[in-house]
Structures are given as C-alpha cells and as structure tokens.
N, C-alpha and C. Protein backbone atom coordinates (compact mmCIF):
# COMPACT_ATOMS: atom_id res chain seq x y z
N MET A 1 0.71 -21.79 8.07
CA MET A 1 0.60 -20.30 7.62
C MET A 1 -0.28 -19.58 8.88
N LEU A 2 -1.69 -20.35 9.06
CA LEU A 2 -2.87 -19.53 9.60
C LEU A 2 -1.82 -19.15 11.20
N SER A 3 -1.40 -20.30 11.68
CA SER A 3 -0.66 -19.74 13.01
C SER A 3 0.30 -18.93 12.98
N GLN A 4 0.83 -18.93 11.79
CA GLN A 4 2.26 -18.02 11.75
C GLN A 4 1.27 -16.49 11.93
N CYS A 5 0.53 -16.24 10.95
CA CYS A 5 0.29 -15.01 10.55
C CYS A 5 -1.02 -14.76 11.79
N LEU A 6 -1.35 -15.42 12.43
CA LEU A 6 -2.04 -14.77 14.02
C LEU A 6 -1.24 -14.58 14.77
N THR A 7 0.11 -15.25 14.54
CA THR A 7 1.31 -14.82 15.74
C THR A 7 1.63 -13.48 15.75
N ALA A 8 1.97 -13.19 14.08
CA ALA A 8 2.39 -12.18 13.67
C ALA A 8 1.50 -10.81 14.05
N ALA A 9 0.27 -10.96 13.70
CA ALA A 9 -0.81 -10.10 14.05
C ALA A 9 -0.88 -9.78 15.57
N VAL A 10 -1.00 -10.84 16.46
CA VAL A 10 -0.89 -10.62 17.87
C VAL A 10 0.29 -9.49 18.34
N LEU A 11 1.52 -10.18 18.02
CA LEU A 11 2.68 -9.55 18.36
C LEU A 11 3.06 -7.98 17.70
N PHE A 12 2.62 -7.87 16.61
CA PHE A 12 2.63 -6.43 16.04
C PHE A 12 1.46 -5.42 16.66
N GLY A 13 0.38 -6.03 17.01
CA GLY A 13 -0.70 -5.57 17.96
C GLY A 13 0.09 -5.11 19.27
N ALA A 14 0.58 -6.27 20.19
CA ALA A 14 0.90 -5.78 21.03
C ALA A 14 2.22 -5.08 21.19
N GLY A 15 3.07 -5.29 20.10
CA GLY A 15 3.84 -3.94 20.13
C GLY A 15 3.23 -2.69 20.40
N ASP A 16 2.65 -2.40 19.44
CA ASP A 16 1.63 -0.92 19.24
C ASP A 16 1.07 -0.29 20.09
N VAL A 17 0.68 -1.36 21.22
CA VAL A 17 -0.06 -1.33 22.59
C VAL A 17 1.16 -0.87 23.56
N ILE A 18 2.15 -1.45 23.79
CA ILE A 18 3.06 -1.62 24.34
C ILE A 18 3.80 0.09 24.05
N ALA A 19 4.19 0.18 22.83
CA ALA A 19 4.61 1.47 22.07
C ALA A 19 3.50 2.82 22.73
N GLN A 20 2.21 2.37 22.89
CA GLN A 20 1.83 3.97 23.42
C GLN A 20 1.41 4.17 24.36
N GLN A 21 1.35 2.62 25.03
CA GLN A 21 1.06 2.80 26.72
C GLN A 21 2.16 3.15 27.39
N VAL A 22 3.45 2.50 26.95
CA VAL A 22 4.59 2.81 27.94
C VAL A 22 5.69 3.60 27.49
N VAL A 23 5.94 3.52 25.96
CA VAL A 23 6.50 4.41 25.15
C VAL A 23 6.17 5.81 25.37
N GLU A 24 5.37 5.75 24.88
CA GLU A 24 4.39 7.24 24.40
C GLU A 24 3.61 7.87 25.59
N LYS A 25 3.10 6.56 26.35
CA LYS A 25 2.10 7.32 27.42
C LYS A 25 0.89 8.02 27.18
N LYS A 26 0.00 7.25 26.04
CA LYS A 26 -0.89 7.91 25.65
C LYS A 26 -2.10 7.41 26.89
N GLY A 27 -2.03 6.73 27.70
CA GLY A 27 -3.00 6.61 28.31
C GLY A 27 -4.67 6.29 27.69
N LYS A 28 -5.75 6.91 28.04
CA LYS A 28 -7.24 7.08 27.74
C LYS A 28 -6.81 7.43 26.36
N GLU A 29 -5.98 8.09 25.91
CA GLU A 29 -6.21 8.49 24.55
C GLU A 29 -5.45 7.53 23.36
N HIS A 30 -5.24 6.12 23.77
CA HIS A 30 -5.02 5.31 22.96
C HIS A 30 -5.67 5.25 21.37
N ASP A 31 -4.82 5.23 20.50
CA ASP A 31 -5.17 4.98 19.21
C ASP A 31 -5.30 3.56 18.75
N PHE A 32 -6.56 3.38 18.77
CA PHE A 32 -6.83 1.91 18.49
C PHE A 32 -7.02 1.76 17.14
N VAL A 33 -7.33 2.72 16.27
CA VAL A 33 -7.15 2.46 14.50
C VAL A 33 -5.77 2.39 14.42
N ARG A 34 -4.94 2.75 15.07
CA ARG A 34 -3.19 2.58 14.95
C ARG A 34 -3.12 1.16 15.34
N THR A 35 -3.63 0.88 16.43
CA THR A 35 -3.53 -0.95 16.75
C THR A 35 -3.83 -1.91 15.85
N THR A 36 -4.83 -1.50 15.68
CA THR A 36 -5.93 -2.53 14.38
C THR A 36 -4.93 -2.47 12.75
N ARG A 37 -4.58 -1.03 12.37
CA ARG A 37 -3.56 -1.06 11.41
C ARG A 37 -2.17 -1.84 11.42
N LEU A 38 -1.84 -1.73 12.69
CA LEU A 38 -0.53 -2.56 12.84
C LEU A 38 -0.87 -3.86 12.96
N THR A 39 -1.82 -4.10 13.70
CA THR A 39 -2.32 -5.58 13.46
C THR A 39 -2.43 -6.51 12.17
N PHE A 40 -3.46 -5.46 11.65
CA PHE A 40 -3.62 -6.12 10.18
C PHE A 40 -1.95 -6.07 9.40
N TYR A 41 -1.40 -5.53 9.43
CA TYR A 41 -0.19 -5.43 8.74
C TYR A 41 0.43 -6.77 9.15
N GLY A 42 0.84 -7.00 10.36
CA GLY A 42 1.42 -8.29 11.11
C GLY A 42 0.85 -9.52 10.49
N GLY A 43 -0.42 -9.42 10.59
CA GLY A 43 -0.91 -10.66 10.19
C GLY A 43 -1.36 -11.26 8.80
N ALA A 44 -1.89 -9.98 8.14
CA ALA A 44 -1.84 -10.20 6.53
C ALA A 44 -0.98 -9.80 5.42
N ILE A 45 0.30 -9.14 6.15
CA ILE A 45 1.06 -8.76 5.16
C ILE A 45 2.72 -9.18 5.72
N PHE A 46 2.90 -9.02 6.83
CA PHE A 46 4.64 -9.44 7.62
C PHE A 46 4.13 -11.04 7.68
N GLY A 47 3.09 -11.29 8.36
CA GLY A 47 2.90 -12.86 8.78
C GLY A 47 3.34 -13.65 7.19
N PRO A 48 2.56 -13.49 6.53
CA PRO A 48 2.57 -14.70 5.33
C PRO A 48 3.93 -14.28 4.51
N ALA A 49 4.30 -13.29 4.25
CA ALA A 49 5.67 -12.62 3.66
C ALA A 49 6.76 -13.46 4.27
N MET A 50 6.83 -13.56 6.02
CA MET A 50 7.86 -13.97 6.49
C MET A 50 7.92 -15.84 6.51
N THR A 51 6.66 -16.22 6.65
CA THR A 51 6.22 -17.53 6.65
C THR A 51 7.21 -18.19 5.44
N LYS A 52 7.21 -17.53 4.38
CA LYS A 52 7.28 -18.02 3.14
C LYS A 52 8.97 -17.45 2.96
N TRP A 53 9.32 -16.59 3.44
CA TRP A 53 11.15 -16.40 3.45
C TRP A 53 11.47 -17.41 4.39
N TYR A 54 10.80 -17.78 5.44
CA TYR A 54 11.50 -18.98 6.02
C TYR A 54 11.92 -20.39 5.86
N GLN A 55 10.68 -20.22 4.79
CA GLN A 55 10.51 -21.59 4.15
C GLN A 55 11.68 -21.58 3.13
N LEU A 56 11.78 -20.85 2.31
CA LEU A 56 12.66 -20.29 1.43
C LEU A 56 14.05 -20.59 2.06
N LEU A 57 14.25 -19.82 2.81
CA LEU A 57 15.78 -19.88 3.70
C LEU A 57 15.99 -21.34 4.15
N ASN A 58 15.03 -22.26 4.85
CA ASN A 58 14.94 -23.82 5.22
C ASN A 58 15.49 -24.60 4.45
N GLY A 59 14.90 -24.33 3.06
CA GLY A 59 14.74 -25.35 2.18
C GLY A 59 16.28 -24.99 1.37
N MET A 60 16.62 -24.32 1.40
CA MET A 60 17.77 -23.90 0.53
C MET A 60 19.50 -24.87 1.08
N LYS A 61 19.85 -25.37 0.22
CA LYS A 61 21.37 -26.55 0.55
C LYS A 61 22.32 -25.52 0.31
N PHE A 62 23.17 -26.15 1.33
CA PHE A 62 24.40 -25.46 1.17
C PHE A 62 25.64 -26.23 1.89
N PRO A 63 26.90 -26.21 1.46
CA PRO A 63 28.10 -26.98 1.22
C PRO A 63 28.36 -27.52 2.99
N SER A 64 28.17 -26.79 3.90
CA SER A 64 28.48 -26.88 5.14
C SER A 64 27.54 -26.37 6.02
N PRO A 65 27.12 -26.77 7.12
CA PRO A 65 26.47 -25.87 8.00
C PRO A 65 26.90 -24.58 8.54
N ARG A 66 28.47 -24.41 8.59
CA ARG A 66 28.72 -23.14 8.93
C ARG A 66 28.41 -21.99 7.78
N LYS A 67 28.42 -22.36 6.59
CA LYS A 67 28.24 -21.48 5.26
C LYS A 67 26.56 -21.23 5.40
N ALA A 68 26.00 -22.58 5.71
CA ALA A 68 24.56 -22.22 5.58
C ALA A 68 23.89 -21.13 6.64
N LEU A 69 24.76 -21.31 7.92
CA LEU A 69 24.50 -20.18 8.96
C LEU A 69 24.61 -18.62 8.33
N VAL A 70 26.01 -18.52 7.97
CA VAL A 70 26.37 -17.34 7.33
C VAL A 70 25.66 -16.76 6.15
N TYR A 71 25.48 -17.64 5.07
CA TYR A 71 24.45 -17.47 4.01
C TYR A 71 22.88 -17.06 4.64
N ARG A 72 22.56 -17.72 5.41
CA ARG A 72 20.93 -17.40 5.55
C ARG A 72 21.11 -16.14 6.66
N VAL A 73 21.90 -15.83 7.40
CA VAL A 73 21.94 -14.68 7.84
C VAL A 73 22.30 -13.67 7.09
N TRP A 74 23.32 -13.68 5.91
CA TRP A 74 23.50 -12.71 5.19
C TRP A 74 22.44 -12.45 4.57
N LEU A 75 21.80 -13.14 3.75
CA LEU A 75 20.51 -13.19 3.11
C LEU A 75 19.37 -12.60 3.60
N ASP A 76 18.91 -12.99 4.83
CA ASP A 76 18.08 -12.50 6.15
C ASP A 76 18.15 -10.91 5.90
N GLN A 77 19.68 -10.51 6.41
CA GLN A 77 19.83 -9.17 6.56
C GLN A 77 20.22 -8.28 5.58
N ALA A 78 20.72 -9.06 4.60
CA ALA A 78 21.43 -8.01 3.52
C ALA A 78 20.31 -7.84 2.15
N ILE A 79 19.67 -8.73 2.36
CA ILE A 79 18.91 -8.85 1.10
C ILE A 79 17.17 -8.61 1.62
N LEU A 80 16.56 -9.22 2.49
CA LEU A 80 15.10 -8.96 2.70
C LEU A 80 15.27 -8.14 3.31
N THR A 81 15.77 -7.55 4.19
CA THR A 81 16.04 -6.56 5.58
C THR A 81 15.62 -5.11 4.89
N PRO A 82 16.53 -4.79 4.05
CA PRO A 82 16.79 -3.33 3.55
C PRO A 82 15.28 -2.94 2.90
N GLY A 83 14.63 -3.97 1.89
CA GLY A 83 13.48 -3.76 1.38
C GLY A 83 11.93 -4.00 2.33
N ALA A 84 12.58 -4.45 3.40
CA ALA A 84 11.27 -4.95 4.35
C ALA A 84 11.44 -3.48 5.04
N VAL A 85 11.97 -2.83 5.05
CA VAL A 85 11.86 -1.90 6.40
C VAL A 85 11.60 -0.75 5.56
N ALA A 86 12.07 -0.32 4.22
CA ALA A 86 11.19 0.49 3.13
C ALA A 86 9.83 0.29 3.50
N PHE A 87 9.65 -0.93 2.89
CA PHE A 87 8.04 -1.46 2.73
C PHE A 87 7.28 -1.03 3.97
N PHE A 88 7.98 -1.56 5.17
CA PHE A 88 6.96 -1.41 6.51
C PHE A 88 6.55 0.29 6.52
N TYR A 89 7.55 1.59 6.43
CA TYR A 89 6.88 2.86 6.70
C TYR A 89 6.24 3.23 5.36
N GLY A 90 6.56 2.80 3.92
CA GLY A 90 5.80 2.76 2.87
C GLY A 90 4.35 2.29 3.22
N CYS A 91 4.27 1.23 3.60
CA CYS A 91 2.89 0.76 3.91
C CYS A 91 2.35 1.29 4.75
N MET A 92 2.65 1.50 5.94
CA MET A 92 1.89 2.40 6.99
C MET A 92 1.44 4.05 6.67
N SER A 93 2.30 4.01 5.70
CA SER A 93 1.53 5.67 4.95
C SER A 93 0.43 5.38 4.06
N VAL A 94 0.26 4.37 3.52
CA VAL A 94 -0.92 3.95 2.53
C VAL A 94 -1.81 3.61 3.40
N LEU A 95 -1.66 2.64 4.41
CA LEU A 95 -2.90 2.29 5.39
C LEU A 95 -3.23 3.33 5.98
N GLU A 96 -2.35 4.52 6.53
CA GLU A 96 -3.35 5.59 6.98
C GLU A 96 -3.68 6.52 6.48
N GLY A 97 -3.55 6.34 4.77
CA GLY A 97 -4.39 7.08 3.80
C GLY A 97 -3.26 8.20 3.44
N LYS A 98 -2.05 7.97 3.73
CA LYS A 98 -1.46 9.35 3.41
C LYS A 98 -0.24 8.61 2.61
N PRO A 99 -0.62 7.94 1.71
CA PRO A 99 0.31 7.99 0.59
C PRO A 99 1.77 8.58 0.33
N GLY A 100 1.25 10.20 -0.06
CA GLY A 100 2.28 11.21 -0.32
C GLY A 100 2.92 10.91 0.76
N GLU A 101 3.02 11.10 2.15
CA GLU A 101 3.63 10.83 3.23
C GLU A 101 5.02 9.65 2.81
N ALA A 102 4.73 8.74 2.07
CA ALA A 102 5.74 7.27 1.93
C ALA A 102 7.00 7.73 1.77
N ILE A 103 7.35 8.49 0.79
CA ILE A 103 8.83 8.73 0.48
C ILE A 103 9.53 9.60 1.81
N PRO A 104 8.63 10.47 2.27
CA PRO A 104 9.36 11.33 3.41
C PRO A 104 9.46 10.42 4.38
N ARG A 105 8.52 9.86 4.54
CA ARG A 105 8.84 9.07 5.84
C ARG A 105 10.00 7.78 5.87
N ILE A 106 9.73 7.40 4.71
CA ILE A 106 11.21 6.22 4.45
C ILE A 106 12.41 7.09 4.58
N LYS A 107 12.07 8.18 3.89
CA LYS A 107 13.87 9.04 4.09
C LYS A 107 14.10 9.05 5.61
N ALA A 108 12.98 9.74 6.36
CA ALA A 108 13.25 10.11 7.64
C ALA A 108 13.63 8.91 8.89
N ALA A 109 13.11 7.59 8.34
CA ALA A 109 13.34 6.66 9.51
C ALA A 109 14.35 5.75 8.80
N TYR A 110 14.51 5.29 7.54
CA TYR A 110 15.16 4.22 7.20
C TYR A 110 16.57 4.14 7.79
N VAL A 111 17.36 4.90 7.74
CA VAL A 111 18.47 4.81 8.45
C VAL A 111 18.46 4.38 9.57
N PRO A 112 18.27 4.77 10.89
CA PRO A 112 18.02 4.56 12.00
C PRO A 112 17.68 3.14 12.16
N THR A 113 16.57 2.81 11.31
CA THR A 113 15.90 1.38 11.31
C THR A 113 16.64 0.18 10.93
N ILE A 114 17.53 0.54 10.19
CA ILE A 114 18.35 -0.39 9.79
C ILE A 114 19.22 -0.76 10.54
N LEU A 115 19.85 0.67 10.68
CA LEU A 115 21.03 0.17 11.82
C LEU A 115 20.64 -0.92 13.00
N ARG A 116 19.59 0.03 13.62
CA ARG A 116 19.12 -0.56 14.92
C ARG A 116 18.52 -2.46 14.67
N ASN A 117 17.75 -2.23 13.30
CA ASN A 117 17.44 -3.44 12.99
C ASN A 117 18.95 -4.77 13.23
N TRP A 118 19.97 -4.35 12.23
CA TRP A 118 21.07 -4.76 12.34
C TRP A 118 21.79 -5.09 13.72
N ALA A 119 21.69 -4.20 14.48
CA ALA A 119 22.02 -4.47 15.57
C ALA A 119 21.09 -5.60 16.62
N VAL A 120 19.80 -5.92 16.57
CA VAL A 120 19.23 -6.32 17.42
C VAL A 120 19.31 -7.86 16.48
N TYR A 121 18.95 -7.53 15.05
CA TYR A 121 18.47 -9.03 14.52
C TYR A 121 19.78 -9.84 13.84
N ILE A 122 21.06 -9.72 13.90
CA ILE A 122 22.45 -10.06 13.42
C ILE A 122 22.51 -11.09 14.28
N PRO A 123 22.76 -11.05 15.97
CA PRO A 123 22.67 -11.85 16.65
C PRO A 123 21.86 -12.51 16.82
N THR A 124 20.44 -12.17 16.53
CA THR A 124 19.08 -13.03 17.12
C THR A 124 19.25 -14.45 15.88
N GLN A 125 19.61 -13.85 14.89
CA GLN A 125 19.41 -14.34 13.21
C GLN A 125 20.62 -15.72 13.38
N ILE A 126 21.85 -15.40 14.11
CA ILE A 126 22.92 -16.10 14.30
C ILE A 126 22.58 -17.23 15.11
N ILE A 127 22.27 -17.04 16.44
CA ILE A 127 21.43 -18.13 17.34
C ILE A 127 20.45 -18.73 16.92
N ASN A 128 19.12 -18.33 15.85
CA ASN A 128 18.31 -18.68 15.47
C ASN A 128 18.64 -19.70 14.34
N PHE A 129 19.25 -19.41 13.28
CA PHE A 129 19.67 -20.51 12.33
C PHE A 129 20.94 -21.52 12.87
N ALA A 130 21.71 -21.13 13.86
CA ALA A 130 22.35 -22.00 14.41
C ALA A 130 21.91 -23.28 15.60
N LEU A 131 20.87 -22.83 16.10
CA LEU A 131 20.66 -23.45 17.44
C LEU A 131 19.05 -24.14 17.10
N VAL A 132 18.12 -23.40 16.44
CA VAL A 132 16.57 -23.72 16.79
C VAL A 132 16.29 -24.39 15.38
N PRO A 133 15.25 -25.24 15.69
CA PRO A 133 15.13 -26.03 14.77
C PRO A 133 13.82 -25.29 13.48
N PRO A 134 14.30 -25.85 12.35
CA PRO A 134 13.46 -24.82 11.23
C PRO A 134 12.16 -24.60 11.55
N HIS A 135 11.20 -25.62 11.83
CA HIS A 135 9.72 -25.08 12.28
C HIS A 135 9.61 -24.14 13.24
N LEU A 136 10.79 -23.64 14.12
CA LEU A 136 10.40 -22.89 15.41
C LEU A 136 11.20 -21.44 14.70
N ARG A 137 11.92 -21.31 14.00
CA ARG A 137 12.65 -20.29 13.60
C ARG A 137 11.80 -18.71 13.74
N LEU A 138 10.80 -18.91 13.04
CA LEU A 138 9.95 -18.14 12.88
C LEU A 138 8.91 -17.48 14.54
N VAL A 139 9.13 -18.08 14.90
CA VAL A 139 8.67 -18.09 16.56
C VAL A 139 9.69 -17.60 17.20
N VAL A 140 10.74 -17.96 17.26
CA VAL A 140 11.98 -16.95 17.60
C VAL A 140 11.98 -15.54 17.09
N VAL A 141 12.07 -15.30 15.95
CA VAL A 141 11.84 -14.12 15.62
C VAL A 141 10.56 -13.07 16.01
N SER A 142 9.45 -14.02 16.25
CA SER A 142 8.37 -13.29 16.31
C SER A 142 8.34 -12.66 18.23
N VAL A 143 8.97 -13.59 18.87
CA VAL A 143 8.81 -13.03 20.27
C VAL A 143 10.24 -11.89 20.06
N VAL A 144 10.92 -11.87 19.65
CA VAL A 144 12.34 -10.85 19.46
C VAL A 144 11.35 -9.59 19.01
N SER A 145 10.45 -9.76 17.68
CA SER A 145 9.54 -8.97 17.17
C SER A 145 8.77 -7.97 18.02
N LEU A 146 8.41 -9.08 19.06
CA LEU A 146 7.41 -8.02 20.42
C LEU A 146 8.10 -6.66 20.69
N PHE A 147 9.25 -6.55 20.82
CA PHE A 147 10.24 -5.48 21.47
C PHE A 147 10.41 -4.38 20.11
N TRP A 148 10.95 -5.20 19.03
CA TRP A 148 10.96 -4.65 17.69
C TRP A 148 9.98 -3.94 17.08
N ASN A 149 8.57 -4.53 17.22
CA ASN A 149 7.52 -4.11 16.82
C ASN A 149 7.63 -2.75 17.61
N THR A 150 7.56 -2.75 18.85
CA THR A 150 7.31 -1.67 19.82
C THR A 150 8.13 -0.42 18.98
N TYR A 151 9.42 -0.70 18.84
CA TYR A 151 10.17 0.12 18.45
C TYR A 151 9.58 1.03 17.27
N LEU A 152 9.06 -0.25 16.07
CA LEU A 152 8.45 0.21 15.05
C LEU A 152 7.27 1.32 14.95
N SER A 153 6.64 0.68 15.80
CA SER A 153 5.31 1.47 16.29
C SER A 153 5.56 2.70 16.59
N ALA A 154 6.52 3.33 17.20
CA ALA A 154 6.83 4.39 17.87
C ALA A 154 7.68 4.94 17.11
N SER A 155 8.80 4.56 16.03
CA SER A 155 9.07 5.06 15.22
C SER A 155 8.51 5.46 13.93
N ASN A 156 7.71 4.89 13.53
CA ASN A 156 6.76 5.60 12.34
C ASN A 156 5.90 6.48 13.05
N THR A 157 5.92 6.83 14.16
CA THR A 157 4.89 7.76 14.63
C THR A 157 5.60 8.83 14.30
N ARG A 158 7.05 8.75 15.02
CA ARG A 158 7.88 9.99 14.77
C ARG A 158 8.37 10.29 13.47
N ALA A 159 8.68 9.18 12.67
CA ALA A 159 8.78 9.61 11.58
C ALA A 159 7.41 10.43 10.34
N GLU A 160 6.28 10.09 10.44
CA GLU A 160 5.11 10.49 10.47
C GLU A 160 5.27 12.01 10.89
N GLN A 161 5.56 12.27 11.74
CA GLN A 161 5.66 13.76 12.37
C GLN A 161 6.90 14.16 11.91
N GLU A 162 8.01 13.85 11.47
CA GLU A 162 8.91 14.44 10.76
C GLU A 162 8.79 14.45 9.23
N ALA A 163 8.04 13.67 8.76
CA ALA A 163 7.77 14.06 7.35
C ALA A 163 6.36 14.99 6.78
N LYS A 164 6.08 15.21 8.01
CA LYS A 164 4.70 16.17 7.80
C LYS A 164 5.35 17.47 8.22
N ALA A 165 6.16 17.59 9.06
CA ALA A 165 6.89 19.12 9.45
C ALA A 165 7.73 18.97 8.08
N LEU A 166 8.55 18.32 7.55
CA LEU A 166 9.00 18.72 6.27
C LEU A 166 8.75 18.74 4.94
N GLN A 167 7.09 18.31 4.97
CA GLN A 167 6.25 18.90 3.81
C GLN A 167 5.43 20.06 4.24
N GLU A 168 5.73 20.63 5.71
CA GLU A 168 4.97 21.86 5.46
C GLU A 168 6.42 22.99 5.68
N GLN A 169 7.58 22.77 5.70
CA GLN A 169 8.56 23.48 5.18
C GLN A 169 8.83 23.75 3.92
N ASN A 170 8.44 22.61 3.12
CA ASN A 170 8.44 22.69 1.70
C ASN A 170 7.97 23.68 1.24
N GLU A 171 6.15 23.63 1.78
CA GLU A 171 5.42 24.31 1.32
C GLU A 171 5.59 25.70 1.38
N LYS A 172 6.30 26.13 2.69
CA LYS A 172 6.42 27.37 3.08
C LYS A 172 7.57 27.87 2.22
N GLU A 173 8.53 27.36 2.11
CA GLU A 173 9.73 27.38 0.98
C GLU A 173 9.00 28.04 -0.51
N LYS A 174 8.24 26.92 -1.13
CA LYS A 174 7.78 27.07 -2.26
C LYS A 174 6.93 28.43 -2.30
N LEU A 175 6.09 28.76 -1.08
CA LEU A 175 5.28 30.39 -1.23
C LEU A 175 6.25 31.50 -1.05
N LEU A 176 7.17 31.49 -0.41
CA LEU A 176 8.53 32.18 -0.05
C LEU A 176 9.08 32.54 -1.51
N ALA A 177 9.13 30.96 -2.52
CA ALA A 177 9.84 31.43 -3.60
C ALA A 177 9.24 32.05 -4.42
N VAL A 178 7.55 32.09 -4.58
CA VAL A 178 7.05 32.83 -5.47
C VAL A 178 6.60 33.76 -5.22
N ASP A 179 6.95 34.49 -3.74
CA ASP A 179 7.19 36.02 -3.28
C ASP A 179 7.92 36.79 -3.64
C-alpha cells in the first residue's frame, strides 16, 4: 500500500509540474501549493482507493479469461471512472478552499474529461488486464497516469476559471433582475 501511495503521489505531483511548466508555461510563477495539493490527493486519496480497487478487481472470479477482461474493463470504466472523475473535481475545489465551486467545476469539466478518459483508459485497461500480471497493474496505470495527471491538472485549472466566470455571470444576472 505504501509504495502504491508514494507512486501515485509522485505521479500526480509530476503531472502538475508538467502541466504548469510545459502546458501552461508558468516558468518562475510555478504554483507550489497547487503541486502540493495534487501530490497530496495522489498519495492520500487516489493511491489508497485505487490500490483497493485493483485488489477487488483482481480478486474477482469470472467463468473465462475473456469474460474476466471484458468485465474488469467495464467495471473500471463504467462503474469507477464516472464517480472518480466527479470526485476529483469536487475534491480539488474543497482542497483549494472553494467548496462552493465544486458543482460548477464538475459541470464544466465532467463530460470532456470522461470522454478523454475513455479514449485513453479503455485501450490501456484492455492491455493491462489482458497482459499484465495483477501485482503490476497499478504500475501500468500509474505510468499512463503521468500523462493523464498532466491533463487533469490543466483541466482543473480551466474548470476553476470557467466555474468562477459562471458564478460571476450568475451574480450579475441576479443584480440585474433586482434592478
């Protein structure tokens, strides 16, 4: 568990560094609090949850290897992923001290994130569950996650900005309705 959590923490933190330095080109304006927040999320929340999830999936018995592959990928992408995506954006809002932004942020980012997730992780999980030994599956997902976490970090920042703009627009509309 400890090694899985440390791996997830490093990969989430590294994904944020890449997002800030390569995608957003922040340079010396790097937000270290943001990197710390994502590192914490990876190690304390994502790592333990995914370790237990893979233990559950790996322990399930299926009638055939082919059915095991189909069911594991389906369970991962149809059951876990939709909740995990919403939870990520909601959790980031809370960790940033902006719990009121959770719902607008989820609304702004959910559909594009879930579609991109499926494009990345359905093929990854087919390969992972078909070819990779159970004890290495989280490692495979973690390597892909470095790139995915870069996307999530940048997407969370965009969703935060969109949620803030939406809240400001709603406040202006309320003021205009009162006048």
